[in-house]
Amino acid sequence: MKKVLISIVLIIILVGTAIWYIVSSKNKVTSSLVLTNVVTYMCKDNKKIEASYYKGENKIVKTGEMPIPTGGVKLTLSDGRKFDLSQTISADGGRYANVDESFVFWSKGNGALVLENNIEKSYIGCIVIAKDIGNLPNIYLDSNAGFSVRYPADYLLNTDYQYQALGPGKDISGVKFVIPSTLSSGNNLSSFDTGVSVEIIPSILDCKANLFIDTTELKTITDNGIEYSFATNVQGAAGNSYEENVWAIVGTNPCVAVRYFIHTTNVSNYPENTVKEFDRAGLIKEFDKIRRSLINQ
């Protein structure tokens, strides 16, 4: 009986040691991962994915061998599901999957692909969204064109927008965010068409601003880490002034540009002291925030 008890005690000790070793090993792996980035993706039908990316320790391989992925990602989906995925081998982007690969998350640039049992079904056309830098609570996603952008809550959204000033057959499609009437109250700013538009020209290898505006004067401007081809133009007619600033994102295909359109009237055409000049610096500052929030896939 004594020998049996001793055997049972030894078995308990061995099992406990094994459990401790496994738990300890897992903790070591977890502790070796370093959080590198946290981003939010917007997907079709207003679905979202919160992704926390982790980097693991580099593993040395022999020359000619495939690298060993050691990172991971933790996902929180807008439907309440959560996943803790390990990084897998991938020729392009970062691929992460659960053990049986029934759920795969594949990040490429600013976009992400989600496969459930090898089917893209619940989270489609996912693109990173910028963090709200102030007064930009609304998010617009165009999965087809491959961009997301933030805009103020009181701006009017025009998804049927087309820029038509270049002449017949040269219409440019996009989306426009028109200022609210409160921004034009008591001043010479028009809330009818003043606003910011994101415009797309397909199949363009050399994305430049003069594709969107009638001018030959271009500038190259780097702002917020993005290189733009910039052009501006001001025209007037019958007491109205139309200022356009075009920021085309260099290297994009399809070619993506942001247009500031500012329509004003002549203050001298109104009774004295009834209308004042609008705050141009304040308006441009708000338009800049919208432009800087745009993320292209």
Protein backbone atom coordinates (compact mmCIF):
# COMPACT_ATOMS: atom_id res chain seq x y z
CA MET A 1 0.00 0.00 0.00
CA LYS A 2 2.86 2.29 0.88
CA LYS A 3 4.49 1.67 -2.50
CA VAL A 4 1.20 2.48 -4.23
CA LEU A 5 0.93 5.80 -2.37
CA ILE A 6 4.51 6.68 -3.26
CA SER A 7 3.80 5.87 -6.90
CA ILE A 8 0.70 8.07 -6.88
CA VAL A 9 2.63 10.94 -5.30
CA LEU A 10 5.39 10.60 -7.93
CA ILE A 11 2.82 10.61 -10.73
CA ILE A 12 1.18 13.74 -9.30
CA ILE A 13 4.58 15.44 -9.08
CA LEU A 14 5.47 14.47 -12.64
CA VAL A 15 2.12 15.67 -14.00
CA GLY A 16 2.40 18.92 -12.05
CA THR A 17 5.93 19.46 -13.35
CA ALA A 18 4.78 18.83 -16.92
CA ILE A 19 1.90 21.27 -16.57
CA TRP A 20 4.22 23.89 -15.05
CA TYR A 21 6.68 23.41 -17.91
CA ILE A 22 4.00 23.80 -20.57
CA VAL A 23 2.50 26.89 -18.94
CA SER A 24 5.95 28.34 -18.36
CA SER A 25 6.91 27.73 -21.98
CA LYS A 26 3.74 29.39 -23.24
CA ASN A 27 4.34 32.38 -21.03
CA LYS A 28 7.87 32.70 -22.36
CA VAL A 29 6.59 32.72 -25.93
CA THR A 30 3.93 35.31 -25.12
CA SER A 31 6.38 37.49 -23.25
CA SER A 32 8.80 37.37 -26.16
CA LEU A 33 6.25 39.01 -28.49
CA VAL A 34 6.47 42.78 -28.76
CA LEU A 35 3.50 44.96 -29.70
CA THR A 36 4.44 46.92 -32.83
CA ASN A 37 1.22 48.49 -34.10
CA VAL A 38 -2.51 48.83 -33.41
CA VAL A 39 -4.81 49.71 -36.32
CA THR A 40 -8.50 49.72 -37.16
CA TYR A 41 -9.84 48.42 -40.47
CA MET A 42 -13.16 49.47 -41.98
CA CYS A 43 -14.83 46.85 -44.16
CA LYS A 44 -17.89 46.68 -46.39
CA ASP A 45 -21.27 47.20 -44.66
CA ASN A 46 -19.63 49.28 -41.89
CA LYS A 47 -17.92 46.30 -40.29
CA LYS A 48 -14.70 46.91 -38.37
CA ILE A 49 -11.63 44.97 -37.27
CA GLU A 50 -9.31 46.08 -34.47
CA ALA A 51 -5.86 44.57 -35.06
CA SER A 52 -2.89 44.50 -32.67
CA TYR A 53 0.30 43.35 -34.38
CA TYR A 54 3.11 41.61 -32.51
CA LYS A 55 6.67 40.86 -33.51
CA GLY A 56 8.49 37.76 -32.31
CA GLU A 57 12.16 36.93 -31.92
CA ASN A 58 14.10 36.41 -35.14
CA LYS A 59 15.03 32.81 -35.85
CA ILE A 60 18.22 32.05 -37.74
CA VAL A 61 17.84 29.89 -40.84
CA LYS A 62 20.34 28.47 -43.27
CA THR A 63 20.99 30.11 -46.62
CA GLY A 64 18.24 29.28 -49.09
CA GLU A 65 15.74 28.25 -46.43
CA MET A 66 12.41 29.99 -45.95
CA PRO A 67 12.27 32.46 -43.06
CA ILE A 68 10.45 31.28 -39.95
CA PRO A 69 7.58 33.65 -39.04
CA THR A 70 7.36 34.35 -35.31
CA GLY A 71 4.88 37.22 -35.06
CA GLY A 72 1.20 37.29 -34.31
CA VAL A 73 -1.94 39.39 -34.40
CA LYS A 74 -4.86 39.79 -32.00
CA LEU A 75 -8.15 40.67 -33.67
CA THR A 76 -11.41 42.03 -32.31
CA LEU A 77 -14.22 41.89 -34.86
CA SER A 78 -17.28 44.13 -34.80
CA ASP A 79 -19.50 41.04 -34.51
CA GLY A 80 -17.92 40.30 -31.12
CA ARG A 81 -15.53 37.53 -32.16
CA LYS A 82 -11.90 37.62 -31.06
CA PHE A 83 -8.90 35.79 -32.53
CA ASP A 84 -5.31 35.34 -31.43
CA LEU A 85 -3.51 34.27 -34.60
CA SER A 86 0.04 33.18 -35.29
CA GLN A 87 1.98 34.45 -38.30
CA THR A 88 2.47 31.99 -41.14
CA ILE A 89 4.74 31.90 -44.20
CA SER A 90 3.65 34.29 -46.94
CA ALA A 91 5.21 35.57 -50.14
CA ASP A 92 3.38 38.89 -49.87
CA GLY A 93 2.18 40.85 -46.85
CA GLY A 94 1.58 39.41 -43.40
CA ARG A 95 -0.47 36.22 -43.19
CA TYR A 96 -1.93 35.03 -39.87
CA ALA A 97 -4.08 31.97 -39.17
CA ASN A 98 -5.51 29.76 -36.43
CA VAL A 99 -4.37 26.14 -36.01
CA ASP A 100 -6.70 24.55 -38.57
CA GLU A 101 -6.57 27.61 -40.87
CA SER A 102 -10.35 27.97 -40.76
CA PHE A 103 -9.76 31.69 -40.15
CA VAL A 104 -7.04 33.55 -42.06
CA PHE A 105 -6.20 37.25 -41.77
CA TRP A 106 -3.91 38.60 -44.49
CA SER A 107 -2.66 42.19 -44.31
CA LYS A 108 -1.24 43.75 -47.47
CA GLY A 109 -0.23 47.39 -47.38
CA ASN A 110 -3.17 49.35 -45.97
CA GLY A 111 -5.68 46.62 -46.86
CA ALA A 112 -6.64 43.29 -45.33
CA LEU A 113 -8.14 40.04 -46.60
CA VAL A 114 -10.23 37.85 -44.30
CA LEU A 115 -10.88 34.21 -45.24
CA GLU A 116 -13.25 31.94 -43.33
CA ASN A 117 -12.94 28.34 -44.48
CA ASN A 118 -11.16 29.72 -47.58
CA ILE A 119 -14.06 32.05 -48.41
CA GLU A 120 -14.10 35.85 -48.22
CA LYS A 121 -17.63 36.28 -46.89
CA SER A 122 -18.07 38.34 -43.71
CA TYR A 123 -15.34 40.98 -43.84
CA ILE A 124 -14.79 42.26 -47.38
CA GLY A 125 -12.78 45.16 -48.81
CA CYS A 126 -11.10 46.03 -45.50
CA ILE A 127 -8.92 49.16 -45.44
CA VAL A 128 -7.10 50.90 -42.60
CA ILE A 129 -8.83 54.00 -41.26
CA ALA A 130 -6.94 56.96 -39.88
CA LYS A 131 -7.24 57.90 -36.24
CA ASP A 132 -9.54 60.85 -35.59
CA ILE A 133 -7.28 63.88 -35.18
CA GLY A 134 -10.20 66.07 -34.15
CA ASN A 135 -13.71 66.83 -35.46
CA LEU A 136 -13.65 64.01 -38.03
CA PRO A 137 -15.99 61.37 -36.54
CA ASN A 138 -17.48 60.13 -39.83
CA ILE A 139 -15.75 57.56 -42.04
CA TYR A 140 -16.27 56.97 -45.74
CA LEU A 141 -15.00 53.73 -47.30
CA ASP A 142 -14.71 53.00 -51.01
CA SER A 143 -13.65 49.36 -51.24
CA ASN A 144 -13.70 49.40 -55.05
CA ALA A 145 -11.43 52.42 -55.40
CA GLY A 146 -9.44 51.30 -52.37
CA PHE A 147 -9.49 54.22 -49.94
CA SER A 148 -10.94 55.38 -46.64
CA VAL A 149 -11.30 58.98 -45.46
CA ARG A 150 -12.69 60.82 -42.43
CA TYR A 151 -14.91 63.91 -42.52
CA PRO A 152 -16.79 66.21 -40.08
CA ALA A 153 -20.18 65.14 -38.77
CA ASP A 154 -22.10 68.07 -40.26
CA TYR A 155 -20.70 67.86 -43.80
CA LEU A 156 -23.05 66.65 -46.53
CA LEU A 157 -22.00 63.48 -48.37
CA ASN A 158 -22.45 63.31 -52.16
CA THR A 159 -21.65 59.83 -53.45
CA ASP A 160 -22.95 60.66 -56.98
CA TYR A 161 -20.42 63.46 -57.42
CA GLN A 162 -18.70 64.02 -60.77
CA TYR A 163 -16.27 66.78 -61.67
CA GLN A 164 -17.32 68.10 -65.09
CA ALA A 165 -15.34 71.30 -65.61
CA LEU A 166 -12.80 69.71 -67.99
CA GLY A 167 -15.36 69.39 -70.78
CA PRO A 168 -17.52 66.72 -72.43
CA GLY A 169 -16.27 63.17 -72.07
CA LYS A 170 -13.77 64.14 -69.36
CA ASP A 171 -15.93 63.71 -66.26
CA ILE A 172 -14.12 62.50 -63.15
CA SER A 173 -16.01 60.39 -60.64
CA GLY A 174 -15.55 60.45 -56.89
CA VAL A 175 -17.18 61.45 -53.64
CA LYS A 176 -17.64 64.95 -52.24
CA PHE A 177 -18.01 66.31 -48.72
CA VAL A 178 -19.85 69.65 -48.88
CA ILE A 179 -19.60 72.18 -46.05
CA PRO A 180 -22.70 72.83 -43.90
CA SER A 181 -24.62 76.12 -44.15
CA THR A 182 -23.35 77.10 -40.70
CA LEU A 183 -19.87 77.69 -42.17
CA SER A 184 -21.23 80.20 -44.70
CA SER A 185 -23.58 82.06 -42.37
CA GLY A 186 -22.82 85.81 -42.38
CA ASN A 187 -19.89 85.56 -44.78
CA ASN A 188 -19.22 85.39 -48.51
CA LEU A 189 -18.62 81.62 -48.63
CA SER A 190 -21.06 79.47 -50.61
CA SER A 191 -22.27 76.27 -48.99
CA PHE A 192 -23.81 75.10 -52.26
CA ASP A 193 -20.64 73.56 -53.70
CA THR A 194 -17.73 74.45 -51.40
CA GLY A 195 -16.11 71.31 -50.07
CA VAL A 196 -13.57 68.52 -50.42
CA SER A 197 -13.78 65.76 -53.00
CA VAL A 198 -11.82 62.54 -53.46
CA GLU A 199 -11.58 61.75 -57.16
CA ILE A 200 -10.37 58.73 -59.12
CA ILE A 201 -8.98 58.34 -62.64
CA PRO A 202 -8.44 54.66 -63.53
CA SER A 203 -5.51 53.11 -65.41
CA ILE A 204 -3.03 55.96 -64.90
CA LEU A 205 0.64 55.14 -64.42
CA ASP A 206 1.84 58.72 -63.83
CA CYS A 207 -0.55 60.33 -61.35
CA LYS A 208 -0.34 64.12 -61.61
CA ALA A 209 -2.55 67.04 -60.60
CA ASN A 210 -2.92 68.38 -64.16
CA LEU A 211 -5.07 65.35 -64.96
CA PHE A 212 -7.71 66.87 -62.67
CA ILE A 213 -7.37 70.59 -63.36
CA ASP A 214 -6.65 72.76 -66.41
CA THR A 215 -3.14 73.98 -65.67
CA THR A 216 0.46 73.30 -66.62
CA GLU A 217 1.96 74.64 -63.37
CA LEU A 218 2.67 71.77 -60.99
CA LYS A 219 4.44 71.52 -57.67
CA THR A 220 5.68 68.47 -55.81
CA ILE A 221 4.79 68.68 -52.12
CA THR A 222 5.51 66.12 -49.40
CA ASP A 223 3.07 66.44 -46.53
CA ASN A 224 2.48 64.07 -43.63
CA GLY A 225 4.82 61.55 -45.28
CA ILE A 226 2.91 61.49 -48.58
CA GLU A 227 4.19 62.86 -51.90
CA TYR A 228 1.67 64.93 -53.84
CA SER A 229 1.52 66.52 -57.25
CA PHE A 230 -0.13 69.88 -56.48
CA ALA A 231 -1.87 72.42 -58.70
CA THR A 232 -4.12 75.40 -58.03
CA ASN A 233 -6.42 77.57 -60.09
CA VAL A 234 -8.68 80.57 -59.42
CA GLN A 235 -11.40 81.75 -61.79
CA GLY A 236 -14.11 84.37 -61.50
CA ALA A 237 -17.39 85.23 -63.16
CA ALA A 238 -20.35 87.51 -62.39
CA GLY A 239 -19.21 88.39 -58.89
CA ASN A 240 -18.25 84.82 -58.02
CA SER A 241 -14.81 83.35 -57.40
CA TYR A 242 -13.90 79.68 -57.72
CA GLU A 243 -10.67 78.50 -56.12
CA GLU A 244 -9.49 74.92 -56.69
CA ASN A 245 -6.54 73.15 -55.08
CA VAL A 246 -5.76 69.64 -56.30
CA TRP A 247 -3.58 67.20 -54.38
CA ALA A 248 -2.86 64.11 -56.53
CA ILE A 249 -1.16 61.25 -54.69
CA VAL A 250 1.99 60.37 -56.62
CA GLY A 251 2.39 56.70 -57.51
CA THR A 252 -1.26 55.70 -57.13
CA ASN A 253 -2.98 53.63 -59.83
CA PRO A 254 -5.84 54.26 -60.19
CA CYS A 255 -4.82 57.88 -59.74
CA VAL A 256 -6.29 59.34 -56.53
CA ALA A 257 -6.60 63.08 -55.89
CA VAL A 258 -8.16 65.35 -53.29
CA ARG A 259 -9.73 68.57 -54.53
CA TYR A 260 -10.52 71.64 -52.42
CA PHE A 261 -13.29 73.64 -54.10
CA ILE A 262 -13.96 77.08 -52.58
CA HIS A 263 -16.80 79.16 -53.99
CA THR A 264 -17.05 82.75 -52.75
CA THR A 265 -18.93 85.89 -53.71
CA ASN A 266 -17.80 89.51 -53.74
CA VAL A 267 -18.42 91.17 -50.38
CA SER A 268 -18.84 94.57 -52.06
CA ASN A 269 -21.98 93.26 -53.80
CA TYR A 270 -23.84 93.18 -50.48
CA PRO A 271 -25.16 96.05 -48.34
CA GLU A 272 -22.42 97.48 -46.16
CA ASN A 273 -21.56 95.52 -43.00
CA THR A 274 -24.01 92.69 -43.76
CA VAL A 275 -21.49 90.15 -45.05
CA LYS A 276 -17.87 89.62 -44.05
CA GLU A 277 -14.95 87.77 -45.61
CA PHE A 278 -14.87 84.07 -44.71
CA ASP A 279 -12.10 82.57 -42.60
CA ARG A 280 -9.94 81.14 -45.35
CA ALA A 281 -7.15 79.94 -43.06
CA GLY A 282 -9.63 78.11 -40.84
CA LEU A 283 -11.36 76.46 -43.80
CA ILE A 284 -8.08 75.30 -45.38
CA LYS A 285 -7.01 73.91 -42.01
CA GLU A 286 -10.19 71.80 -41.83
CA PHE A 287 -9.83 70.68 -45.46
CA ASP A 288 -6.22 69.68 -44.74
CA LYS A 289 -7.37 67.43 -41.89
CA ILE A 290 -9.77 65.63 -44.21
CA ARG A 291 -7.05 65.16 -46.86
CA ARG A 292 -4.51 63.89 -44.34
CA SER A 293 -6.99 61.32 -43.04
CA LEU A 294 -7.24 59.65 -46.45
CA ILE A 295 -5.62 56.22 -46.58
CA ASN A 296 -5.13 54.57 -49.94
CA GLN A 297 -4.90 50.81 -50.26
